[in-house]
Amino acid sequence: MKSLRLLGPLLAVALLQFGCSTVPETGRSQVVWISPAQEAQMGLAAFTQIKAEEKISQDPMANDRVSEVGRRIARSVGRDLPNAKWEFVVFESDELNAFALPGGKVGVYTGILKIAETDDELAAVMGHEIAHVTSRHSGERVTHQMIASGVALGSELVMEAQDVDPQKRAITRTVLGVGTTVGAILPFSRLHESEADSIGLRFAAGAGYDPRAAILFWERMQKANEGREKPPEFLSTHPSDETRIANLKQLAPQYLPLYRETKAKWDSGAMDQAPEAEKAIGAP
């Protein structure tokens, strides 16, 4: 029994050391147990499936708009993404959504293009989604689920070894499940969203798009979502619209110098003529 109790902590320490990495733009330490190559493979598989199941827009203006904004933000990332082959696809749907997957696969729904009235607003949306990828949030979420599953399995082994009665086992499972979700999984999800907002603004500004447009976009999204039932913030995967808008109002001004510098270069044509290494002026 003593060896069983010691095995869990020792294994956890070994796995944490093996899977530690850092988000380059923020310096935050994270634990990711899957490799960037594995993430890219999963992203490609998921994107291929989405393209097979969803209607792809044939609107040339929408496709050109998304591709151009995406192309500029991809340059602004300023560092190599393992196995990244950038692809920007517009899906014909009223869904107010966009996404990015490991490997540089980005999808934007026509519904959100109606909310993002300007390219600056669209850049805030796409920068946010691409920031999820550069920060390896999907791999981190998978790791968190693996850890949660391991904790649940460990508790089952302990209860089995101690011959805990079925009623107490059921209560323990419920408390552990709620505690893990509310105390760890959901807070990390909200952290990822706020981190992607911050990094995404820098990517957008580094591509020559006004970071203040993110505030206008989310104010418009807030109005679009009026009347829809939402859980309390502590039970949600995302910060509330009010929290997000307040954070963006604090973040946007610090990226204005980068935006003005880059916009001047794009407007003058200097970015199209610059060597590839010089184009990524959004790099840290």
C-alpha atoms as a PDB file:
ATOM      1  CA  MET A   1       0.000   0.000   0.000  1.00  0.00           C
ATOM      2  CA  LYS A   2       2.851   2.373   0.845  1.00  0.00           C
ATOM      3  CA  SER A   3       4.486   1.710  -2.519  1.00  0.00           C
ATOM      4  CA  LEU A   4       1.182   2.497  -4.247  1.00  0.00           C
ATOM      5  CA  ARG A   5       0.974   5.849  -2.469  1.00  0.00           C
ATOM      6  CA  LEU A   6       4.558   6.725  -3.440  1.00  0.00           C
ATOM      7  CA  LEU A   7       4.206   5.652  -7.069  1.00  0.00           C
ATOM      8  CA  GLY A   8       1.664   8.337  -7.970  1.00  0.00           C
ATOM      9  CA  PRO A   9       3.681  11.382  -6.825  1.00  0.00           C
ATOM     10  CA  LEU A  10       6.925  10.030  -8.282  1.00  0.00           C
ATOM     11  CA  LEU A  11       5.252   9.352 -11.634  1.00  0.00           C
ATOM     12  CA  ALA A  12       3.635  12.774 -11.627  1.00  0.00           C
ATOM     13  CA  VAL A  13       6.973  14.513 -10.990  1.00  0.00           C
ATOM     14  CA  ALA A  14       8.641  12.544 -13.775  1.00  0.00           C
ATOM     15  CA  LEU A  15       5.872  13.364 -16.265  1.00  0.00           C
ATOM     16  CA  LEU A  16       5.777  17.034 -15.315  1.00  0.00           C
ATOM     17  CA  GLN A  17       9.534  17.367 -15.850  1.00  0.00           C
ATOM     18  CA  PHE A  18       9.315  15.533 -19.161  1.00  0.00           C
ATOM     19  CA  GLY A  19       6.463  17.642 -20.514  1.00  0.00           C
ATOM     20  CA  CYS A  20       7.378  21.168 -19.351  1.00  0.00           C
ATOM     21  CA  SER A  21       7.567  23.956 -21.940  1.00  0.00           C
ATOM     22  CA  THR A  22       7.056  27.715 -22.102  1.00  0.00           C
ATOM     23  CA  VAL A  23       4.725  29.979 -24.048  1.00  0.00           C
ATOM     24  CA  PRO A  24       7.300  32.207 -25.841  1.00  0.00           C
ATOM     25  CA  GLU A  25       5.169  35.363 -25.951  1.00  0.00           C
ATOM     26  CA  THR A  26       4.245  35.381 -22.253  1.00  0.00           C
ATOM     27  CA  GLY A  27       6.895  33.229 -20.568  1.00  0.00           C
ATOM     28  CA  ARG A  28       4.206  31.134 -18.878  1.00  0.00           C
ATOM     29  CA  SER A  29       5.297  27.603 -18.039  1.00  0.00           C
ATOM     30  CA  GLN A  30       3.006  24.854 -19.247  1.00  0.00           C
ATOM     31  CA  VAL A  31       2.832  21.083 -19.232  1.00  0.00           C
ATOM     32  CA  VAL A  32       2.264  19.414 -22.609  1.00  0.00           C
ATOM     33  CA  TRP A  33       2.701  15.670 -22.941  1.00  0.00           C
ATOM     34  CA  ILE A  34       2.213  15.432 -26.716  1.00  0.00           C
ATOM     35  CA  SER A  35       4.750  16.612 -29.264  1.00  0.00           C
ATOM     36  CA  PRO A  36       4.252  19.497 -31.732  1.00  0.00           C
ATOM     37  CA  ALA A  37       4.396  16.937 -34.551  1.00  0.00           C
ATOM     38  CA  GLN A  38       1.561  14.962 -32.976  1.00  0.00           C
ATOM     39  CA  GLU A  39      -0.449  18.159 -32.545  1.00  0.00           C
ATOM     40  CA  ALA A  40       0.064  19.032 -36.217  1.00  0.00           C
ATOM     41  CA  GLN A  41      -1.053  15.554 -37.303  1.00  0.00           C
ATOM     42  CA  MET A  42      -4.214  15.823 -35.200  1.00  0.00           C
ATOM     43  CA  GLY A  43      -4.867  19.317 -36.541  1.00  0.00           C
ATOM     44  CA  LEU A  44      -4.537  18.190 -40.156  1.00  0.00           C
ATOM     45  CA  ALA A  45      -6.832  15.206 -39.590  1.00  0.00           C
ATOM     46  CA  ALA A  46      -9.455  17.371 -37.895  1.00  0.00           C
ATOM     47  CA  PHE A  47      -9.279  20.041 -40.614  1.00  0.00           C
ATOM     48  CA  THR A  48      -9.620  17.463 -43.371  1.00  0.00           C
ATOM     49  CA  GLN A  49     -12.732  16.098 -41.683  1.00  0.00           C
ATOM     50  CA  ILE A  50     -14.246  19.568 -41.188  1.00  0.00           C
ATOM     51  CA  LYS A  51     -13.696  20.435 -44.863  1.00  0.00           C
ATOM     52  CA  ALA A  52     -15.410  17.199 -45.861  1.00  0.00           C
ATOM     53  CA  GLU A  53     -18.431  17.824 -43.608  1.00  0.00           C
ATOM     54  CA  GLU A  54     -18.936  21.601 -43.861  1.00  0.00           C
ATOM     55  CA  LYS A  55     -19.827  23.711 -46.881  1.00  0.00           C
ATOM     56  CA  ILE A  56     -16.852  25.722 -48.120  1.00  0.00           C
ATOM     57  CA  SER A  57     -17.703  29.245 -49.259  1.00  0.00           C
ATOM     58  CA  GLN A  58     -17.206  30.086 -52.919  1.00  0.00           C
ATOM     59  CA  ASP A  59     -17.458  33.843 -52.302  1.00  0.00           C
ATOM     60  CA  PRO A  60     -14.219  35.252 -53.803  1.00  0.00           C
ATOM     61  CA  MET A  61     -14.363  38.462 -51.750  1.00  0.00           C
ATOM     62  CA  ALA A  62     -14.736  36.588 -48.467  1.00  0.00           C
ATOM     63  CA  ASN A  63     -11.965  34.154 -49.361  1.00  0.00           C
ATOM     64  CA  ASP A  64      -9.588  36.894 -50.493  1.00  0.00           C
ATOM     65  CA  ARG A  65     -10.285  38.897 -47.347  1.00  0.00           C
ATOM     66  CA  VAL A  66      -9.617  35.995 -44.972  1.00  0.00           C
ATOM     67  CA  SER A  67      -6.539  34.845 -46.905  1.00  0.00           C
ATOM     68  CA  GLU A  68      -4.957  38.305 -46.936  1.00  0.00           C
ATOM     69  CA  VAL A  69      -5.529  38.942 -43.232  1.00  0.00           C
ATOM     70  CA  GLY A  70      -4.314  35.431 -42.434  1.00  0.00           C
ATOM     71  CA  ARG A  71      -1.212  35.812 -44.612  1.00  0.00           C
ATOM     72  CA  ARG A  72      -0.191  38.980 -42.817  1.00  0.00           C
ATOM     73  CA  ILE A  73      -0.818  37.549 -39.348  1.00  0.00           C
ATOM     74  CA  ALA A  74       1.155  34.400 -40.213  1.00  0.00           C
ATOM     75  CA  ARG A  75       4.128  36.663 -40.941  1.00  0.00           C
ATOM     76  CA  SER A  76       3.549  38.545 -37.716  1.00  0.00           C
ATOM     77  CA  VAL A  77       3.867  35.361 -35.660  1.00  0.00           C
ATOM     78  CA  GLY A  78       7.582  35.786 -36.172  1.00  0.00           C
ATOM     79  CA  ARG A  79       8.724  32.256 -35.377  1.00  0.00           C
ATOM     80  CA  ASP A  80       8.554  28.861 -36.987  1.00  0.00           C
ATOM     81  CA  LEU A  81       5.657  26.585 -36.154  1.00  0.00           C
ATOM     82  CA  PRO A  82       6.558  22.891 -36.511  1.00  0.00           C
ATOM     83  CA  ASN A  83       4.966  21.373 -39.627  1.00  0.00           C
ATOM     84  CA  ALA A  84       2.959  24.541 -40.309  1.00  0.00           C
ATOM     85  CA  LYS A  85       1.446  24.686 -43.778  1.00  0.00           C
ATOM     86  CA  TRP A  86      -0.836  27.683 -43.599  1.00  0.00           C
ATOM     87  CA  GLU A  87      -4.299  27.250 -45.046  1.00  0.00           C
ATOM     88  CA  PHE A  88      -7.205  29.679 -44.651  1.00  0.00           C
ATOM     89  CA  VAL A  89     -10.699  28.435 -45.463  1.00  0.00           C
ATOM     90  CA  VAL A  90     -14.063  30.215 -45.287  1.00  0.00           C
ATOM     91  CA  PHE A  91     -17.047  28.037 -44.353  1.00  0.00           C
ATOM     92  CA  GLU A  92     -20.573  28.949 -45.408  1.00  0.00           C
ATOM     93  CA  SER A  93     -22.460  29.089 -42.124  1.00  0.00           C
ATOM     94  CA  ASP A  94     -24.295  31.587 -39.919  1.00  0.00           C
ATOM     95  CA  GLU A  95     -22.295  30.311 -36.949  1.00  0.00           C
ATOM     96  CA  LEU A  96     -20.480  33.127 -35.141  1.00  0.00           C
ATOM     97  CA  ASN A  97     -17.188  31.308 -34.961  1.00  0.00           C
ATOM     98  CA  ALA A  98     -13.658  30.876 -36.226  1.00  0.00           C
ATOM     99  CA  PHE A  99     -10.923  28.447 -35.286  1.00  0.00           C
ATOM    100  CA  ALA A 100      -7.281  27.556 -35.832  1.00  0.00           C
ATOM    101  CA  LEU A 101      -5.729  24.111 -35.562  1.00  0.00           C
ATOM    102  CA  PRO A 102      -2.124  22.975 -35.088  1.00  0.00           C
ATOM    103  CA  GLY A 103      -0.291  22.841 -38.395  1.00  0.00           C
ATOM    104  CA  GLY A 104      -1.501  26.283 -39.505  1.00  0.00           C
ATOM    105  CA  LYS A 105      -5.063  25.347 -40.449  1.00  0.00           C
ATOM    106  CA  VAL A 106      -7.530  28.220 -39.990  1.00  0.00           C
ATOM    107  CA  GLY A 107     -11.286  28.259 -40.545  1.00  0.00           C
ATOM    108  CA  VAL A 108     -13.596  31.280 -40.534  1.00  0.00           C
ATOM    109  CA  TYR A 109     -17.393  31.078 -40.749  1.00  0.00           C
ATOM    110  CA  THR A 110     -19.283  33.585 -42.885  1.00  0.00           C
ATOM    111  CA  GLY A 111     -21.482  34.380 -39.894  1.00  0.00           C
ATOM    112  CA  ILE A 112     -18.605  35.977 -38.034  1.00  0.00           C
ATOM    113  CA  LEU A 113     -17.551  37.943 -41.117  1.00  0.00           C
ATOM    114  CA  LYS A 114     -20.828  39.843 -40.752  1.00  0.00           C
ATOM    115  CA  ILE A 115     -19.898  40.799 -37.195  1.00  0.00           C
ATOM    116  CA  ALA A 116     -16.261  41.622 -38.026  1.00  0.00           C
ATOM    117  CA  GLU A 117     -17.084  44.570 -40.265  1.00  0.00           C
ATOM    118  CA  THR A 118     -13.485  45.685 -40.868  1.00  0.00           C
ATOM    119  CA  ASP A 119     -10.233  43.862 -41.568  1.00  0.00           C
ATOM    120  CA  ASP A 120      -8.910  45.209 -38.259  1.00  0.00           C
ATOM    121  CA  GLU A 121     -11.710  43.386 -36.433  1.00  0.00           C
ATOM    122  CA  LEU A 122     -11.189  40.231 -38.482  1.00  0.00           C
ATOM    123  CA  ALA A 123      -7.479  40.366 -37.627  1.00  0.00           C
ATOM    124  CA  ALA A 124      -8.352  40.438 -33.920  1.00  0.00           C
ATOM    125  CA  VAL A 125     -10.452  37.287 -34.377  1.00  0.00           C
ATOM    126  CA  MET A 126      -7.890  35.419 -36.465  1.00  0.00           C
ATOM    127  CA  GLY A 127      -4.976  36.596 -34.323  1.00  0.00           C
ATOM    128  CA  HIS A 128      -6.767  35.214 -31.272  1.00  0.00           C
ATOM    129  CA  GLU A 129      -7.352  31.831 -32.889  1.00  0.00           C
ATOM    130  CA  ILE A 130      -3.801  31.566 -34.229  1.00  0.00           C
ATOM    131  CA  ALA A 131      -2.473  32.499 -30.774  1.00  0.00           C
ATOM    132  CA  HIS A 132      -4.189  29.388 -29.405  1.00  0.00           C
ATOM    133  CA  VAL A 133      -2.043  27.349 -31.805  1.00  0.00           C
ATOM    134  CA  THR A 134       1.265  29.117 -31.193  1.00  0.00           C
ATOM    135  CA  SER A 135       0.692  28.756 -27.443  1.00  0.00           C
ATOM    136  CA  ARG A 136      -0.058  25.040 -27.823  1.00  0.00           C
ATOM    137  CA  HIS A 137      -3.314  25.367 -25.926  1.00  0.00           C
ATOM    138  CA  SER A 138      -4.852  22.286 -27.545  1.00  0.00           C
ATOM    139  CA  GLY A 139      -1.939  20.094 -26.457  1.00  0.00           C
ATOM    140  CA  GLU A 140      -2.138  21.590 -22.989  1.00  0.00           C
ATOM    141  CA  ARG A 141      -5.877  20.844 -22.778  1.00  0.00           C
ATOM    142  CA  VAL A 142      -5.289  17.245 -23.839  1.00  0.00           C
ATOM    143  CA  THR A 143      -2.623  16.969 -21.153  1.00  0.00           C
ATOM    144  CA  HIS A 144      -4.981  18.365 -18.513  1.00  0.00           C
ATOM    145  CA  GLN A 145      -7.565  15.753 -19.452  1.00  0.00           C
ATOM    146  CA  MET A 146      -4.911  13.053 -19.202  1.00  0.00           C
ATOM    147  CA  ILE A 147      -3.910  14.297 -15.755  1.00  0.00           C
ATOM    148  CA  ALA A 148      -7.554  14.412 -14.640  1.00  0.00           C
ATOM    149  CA  SER A 149      -8.081  10.866 -15.881  1.00  0.00           C
ATOM    150  CA  GLY A 150      -4.953   9.741 -14.056  1.00  0.00           C
ATOM    151  CA  VAL A 151      -6.118  11.338 -10.814  1.00  0.00           C
ATOM    152  CA  ALA A 152      -9.519   9.675 -11.166  1.00  0.00           C
ATOM    153  CA  LEU A 153      -7.889   6.303 -11.824  1.00  0.00           C
ATOM    154  CA  GLY A 154      -5.578   6.761  -8.861  1.00  0.00           C
ATOM    155  CA  SER A 155      -8.503   7.507  -6.559  1.00  0.00           C
ATOM    156  CA  GLU A 156     -10.283   4.379  -7.794  1.00  0.00           C
ATOM    157  CA  LEU A 157      -7.202   2.262  -7.047  1.00  0.00           C
ATOM    158  CA  VAL A 158      -6.915   3.710  -3.547  1.00  0.00           C
ATOM    159  CA  MET A 159     -10.608   3.184  -2.818  1.00  0.00           C
ATOM    160  CA  GLU A 160     -10.397  -0.368  -4.135  1.00  0.00           C
ATOM    161  CA  ALA A 161      -7.338  -1.097  -1.985  1.00  0.00           C
ATOM    162  CA  GLN A 162      -9.089   0.336   1.072  1.00  0.00           C
ATOM    163  CA  ASP A 163     -12.366  -1.429   0.248  1.00  0.00           C
ATOM    164  CA  VAL A 164     -14.390   1.805   0.433  1.00  0.00           C
ATOM    165  CA  ASP A 165     -18.141   1.157   0.318  1.00  0.00           C
ATOM    166  CA  PRO A 166     -20.024   1.962  -2.954  1.00  0.00           C
ATOM    167  CA  GLN A 167     -21.911   4.988  -1.594  1.00  0.00           C
ATOM    168  CA  LYS A 168     -18.750   6.727  -0.412  1.00  0.00           C
ATOM    169  CA  ARG A 169     -17.062   5.874  -3.718  1.00  0.00           C
ATOM    170  CA  ALA A 170     -19.886   7.573  -5.615  1.00  0.00           C
ATOM    171  CA  ILE A 171     -19.632  10.698  -3.452  1.00  0.00           C
ATOM    172  CA  THR A 172     -15.853  10.776  -3.889  1.00  0.00           C
ATOM    173  CA  ARG A 173     -16.164  10.484  -7.676  1.00  0.00           C
ATOM    174  CA  THR A 174     -18.671  13.347  -7.779  1.00  0.00           C
ATOM    175  CA  VAL A 175     -16.622  15.635  -5.529  1.00  0.00           C
ATOM    176  CA  LEU A 176     -13.425  14.842  -7.425  1.00  0.00           C
ATOM    177  CA  GLY A 177     -15.075  15.396 -10.808  1.00  0.00           C
ATOM    178  CA  VAL A 178     -16.636  18.726  -9.853  1.00  0.00           C
ATOM    179  CA  GLY A 179     -13.480  19.871  -8.071  1.00  0.00           C
ATOM    180  CA  THR A 180     -11.268  19.013 -11.046  1.00  0.00           C
ATOM    181  CA  THR A 181     -13.568  20.735 -13.524  1.00  0.00           C
ATOM    182  CA  VAL A 182     -14.356  23.894 -11.559  1.00  0.00           C
ATOM    183  CA  GLY A 183     -10.998  24.148  -9.806  1.00  0.00           C
ATOM    184  CA  ALA A 184      -8.649  23.312 -12.675  1.00  0.00           C
ATOM    185  CA  ILE A 185     -10.074  22.574 -16.142  1.00  0.00           C
ATOM    186  CA  LEU A 186     -12.352  25.623 -16.485  1.00  0.00           C
ATOM    187  CA  PRO A 187      -9.906  28.154 -14.963  1.00  0.00           C
ATOM    188  CA  PHE A 188      -7.193  26.970 -17.368  1.00  0.00           C
ATOM    189  CA  SER A 189      -9.623  27.281 -20.272  1.00  0.00           C
ATOM    190  CA  ARG A 190     -10.391  30.888 -19.302  1.00  0.00           C
ATOM    191  CA  LEU A 191      -6.658  31.525 -18.912  1.00  0.00           C
ATOM    192  CA  HIS A 192      -6.099  30.221 -22.442  1.00  0.00           C
ATOM    193  CA  GLU A 193      -8.744  32.580 -23.799  1.00  0.00           C
ATOM    194  CA  SER A 194      -7.269  35.613 -22.051  1.00  0.00           C
ATOM    195  CA  GLU A 195      -3.755  34.617 -23.122  1.00  0.00           C
ATOM    196  CA  ALA A 196      -4.902  34.237 -26.730  1.00  0.00           C
ATOM    197  CA  ASP A 197      -6.548  37.667 -26.554  1.00  0.00           C
ATOM    198  CA  SER A 198      -3.278  39.264 -25.482  1.00  0.00           C
ATOM    199  CA  ILE A 199      -1.015  37.391 -27.895  1.00  0.00           C
ATOM    200  CA  GLY A 200      -3.566  37.700 -30.698  1.00  0.00           C
ATOM    201  CA  LEU A 201      -3.617  41.485 -30.320  1.00  0.00           C
ATOM    202  CA  ARG A 202       0.154  41.562 -30.732  1.00  0.00           C
ATOM    203  CA  PHE A 203      -0.068  39.360 -33.816  1.00  0.00           C
ATOM    204  CA  ALA A 204      -2.742  41.654 -35.295  1.00  0.00           C
ATOM    205  CA  ALA A 205      -0.788  44.820 -34.477  1.00  0.00           C
ATOM    206  CA  GLY A 206       2.369  43.233 -35.905  1.00  0.00           C
ATOM    207  CA  ALA A 207       0.449  42.654 -39.126  1.00  0.00           C
ATOM    208  CA  GLY A 208      -0.556  46.311 -39.374  1.00  0.00           C
ATOM    209  CA  TYR A 209      -4.077  46.030 -37.950  1.00  0.00           C
ATOM    210  CA  ASP A 210      -5.465  48.320 -35.269  1.00  0.00           C
ATOM    211  CA  PRO A 211      -5.626  46.413 -31.945  1.00  0.00           C
ATOM    212  CA  ARG A 212      -8.408  48.716 -30.687  1.00  0.00           C
ATOM    213  CA  ALA A 213     -10.742  47.083 -33.207  1.00  0.00           C
ATOM    214  CA  ALA A 214     -10.929  44.023 -30.935  1.00  0.00           C
ATOM    215  CA  ILE A 215     -12.928  46.105 -28.454  1.00  0.00           C
ATOM    216  CA  LEU A 216     -15.470  47.104 -31.111  1.00  0.00           C
ATOM    217  CA  PHE A 217     -15.755  43.519 -32.284  1.00  0.00           C
ATOM    218  CA  TRP A 218     -16.472  42.109 -28.822  1.00  0.00           C
ATOM    219  CA  GLU A 219     -18.954  44.882 -28.048  1.00  0.00           C
ATOM    220  CA  ARG A 220     -20.779  43.877 -31.218  1.00  0.00           C
ATOM    221  CA  MET A 221     -20.559  40.204 -30.277  1.00  0.00           C
ATOM    222  CA  GLN A 222     -21.982  41.022 -26.872  1.00  0.00           C
ATOM    223  CA  LYS A 223     -25.016  42.615 -28.522  1.00  0.00           C
ATOM    224  CA  ALA A 224     -25.371  39.675 -30.911  1.00  0.00           C
ATOM    225  CA  ASN A 225     -25.479  37.286 -27.948  1.00  0.00           C
ATOM    226  CA  GLU A 226     -28.033  39.260 -25.947  1.00  0.00           C
ATOM    227  CA  GLY A 227     -30.877  37.081 -24.732  1.00  0.00           C
ATOM    228  CA  ARG A 228     -28.865  33.865 -24.821  1.00  0.00           C
ATOM    229  CA  GLU A 229     -28.497  32.029 -21.558  1.00  0.00           C
ATOM    230  CA  LYS A 230     -24.916  31.814 -20.322  1.00  0.00           C
ATOM    231  CA  PRO A 231     -23.480  30.066 -17.289  1.00  0.00           C
ATOM    232  CA  PRO A 232     -21.760  32.091 -14.547  1.00  0.00           C
ATOM    233  CA  GLU A 233     -18.179  32.951 -15.467  1.00  0.00           C
ATOM    234  CA  PHE A 234     -16.705  30.441 -12.985  1.00  0.00           C
ATOM    235  CA  LEU A 235     -18.620  27.662 -14.758  1.00  0.00           C
ATOM    236  CA  SER A 236     -17.690  28.816 -18.266  1.00  0.00           C
ATOM    237  CA  THR A 237     -14.824  27.935 -20.578  1.00  0.00           C
ATOM    238  CA  HIS A 238     -14.556  31.627 -21.581  1.00  0.00           C
ATOM    239  CA  PRO A 239     -14.330  34.896 -19.677  1.00  0.00           C
ATOM    240  CA  SER A 240     -17.555  36.873 -19.669  1.00  0.00           C
ATOM    241  CA  ASP A 241     -17.962  39.459 -22.426  1.00  0.00           C
ATOM    242  CA  GLU A 242     -17.657  42.197 -19.797  1.00  0.00           C
ATOM    243  CA  THR A 243     -14.381  40.782 -18.478  1.00  0.00           C
ATOM    244  CA  ARG A 244     -12.981  40.286 -21.964  1.00  0.00           C
ATOM    245  CA  ILE A 245     -13.854  43.811 -23.120  1.00  0.00           C
ATOM    246  CA  ALA A 246     -12.364  45.340 -19.963  1.00  0.00           C
ATOM    247  CA  ASN A 247      -9.129  43.379 -20.479  1.00  0.00           C
ATOM    248  CA  LEU A 248      -8.921  44.383 -24.139  1.00  0.00           C
ATOM    249  CA  LYS A 249      -9.329  48.048 -23.226  1.00  0.00           C
ATOM    250  CA  GLN A 250      -6.255  47.706 -21.015  1.00  0.00           C
ATOM    251  CA  LEU A 251      -4.240  45.674 -23.518  1.00  0.00           C
ATOM    252  CA  ALA A 252      -4.877  47.483 -26.806  1.00  0.00           C
ATOM    253  CA  PRO A 253      -3.015  50.758 -26.076  1.00  0.00           C
ATOM    254  CA  GLN A 254       0.297  49.013 -25.447  1.00  0.00           C
ATOM    255  CA  TYR A 255       0.283  47.597 -28.985  1.00  0.00           C
ATOM    256  CA  LEU A 256      -0.458  50.890 -30.747  1.00  0.00           C
ATOM    257  CA  PRO A 257       3.227  51.763 -31.428  1.00  0.00           C
ATOM    258  CA  LEU A 258       3.775  48.353 -33.045  1.00  0.00           C
ATOM    259  CA  TYR A 259       0.594  48.766 -35.099  1.00  0.00           C
ATOM    260  CA  ARG A 260       1.569  52.220 -36.362  1.00  0.00           C
ATOM    261  CA  GLU A 261       5.096  51.123 -37.228  1.00  0.00           C
ATOM    262  CA  THR A 262       3.929  48.052 -39.124  1.00  0.00           C
ATOM    263  CA  LYS A 263       1.013  49.729 -40.860  1.00  0.00           C
ATOM    264  CA  ALA A 264       3.360  52.366 -42.251  1.00  0.00           C
ATOM    265  CA  LYS A 265       5.561  49.621 -43.697  1.00  0.00           C
ATOM    266  CA  TRP A 266       2.621  47.746 -45.214  1.00  0.00           C
ATOM    267  CA  ASP A 267       1.180  50.969 -46.670  1.00  0.00           C
ATOM    268  CA  SER A 268       4.533  51.857 -48.228  1.00  0.00           C
ATOM    269  CA  GLY A 269       5.011  48.382 -49.703  1.00  0.00           C
ATOM    270  CA  ALA A 270       8.134  47.829 -47.640  1.00  0.00           C
ATOM    271  CA  MET A 271       6.791  44.639 -46.104  1.00  0.00           C
ATOM    272  CA  ASP A 272       6.233  43.012 -49.480  1.00  0.00           C
ATOM    273  CA  GLN A 273       9.798  43.855 -50.490  1.00  0.00           C
ATOM    274  CA  ALA A 274      11.496  42.957 -47.204  1.00  0.00           C
ATOM    275  CA  PRO A 275      13.368  39.693 -46.668  1.00  0.00           C
ATOM    276  CA  GLU A 276      11.241  37.071 -44.915  1.00  0.00           C
ATOM    277  CA  ALA A 277      13.174  37.471 -41.639  1.00  0.00           C
ATOM    278  CA  GLU A 278      12.371  41.186 -41.570  1.00  0.00           C
ATOM    279  CA  LYS A 279       8.666  40.752 -42.265  1.00  0.00           C
ATOM    280  CA  ALA A 280       7.944  39.229 -38.902  1.00  0.00           C
ATOM    281  CA  ILE A 281       8.271  42.465 -36.960  1.00  0.00           C
ATOM    282  CA  GLY A 282       5.673  41.176 -34.514  1.00  0.00           C
ATOM    283  CA  ALA A 283       8.232  38.723 -33.158  1.00  0.00           C
ATOM    284  CA  PRO A 284       9.189  39.074 -29.496  1.00  0.00           C
END
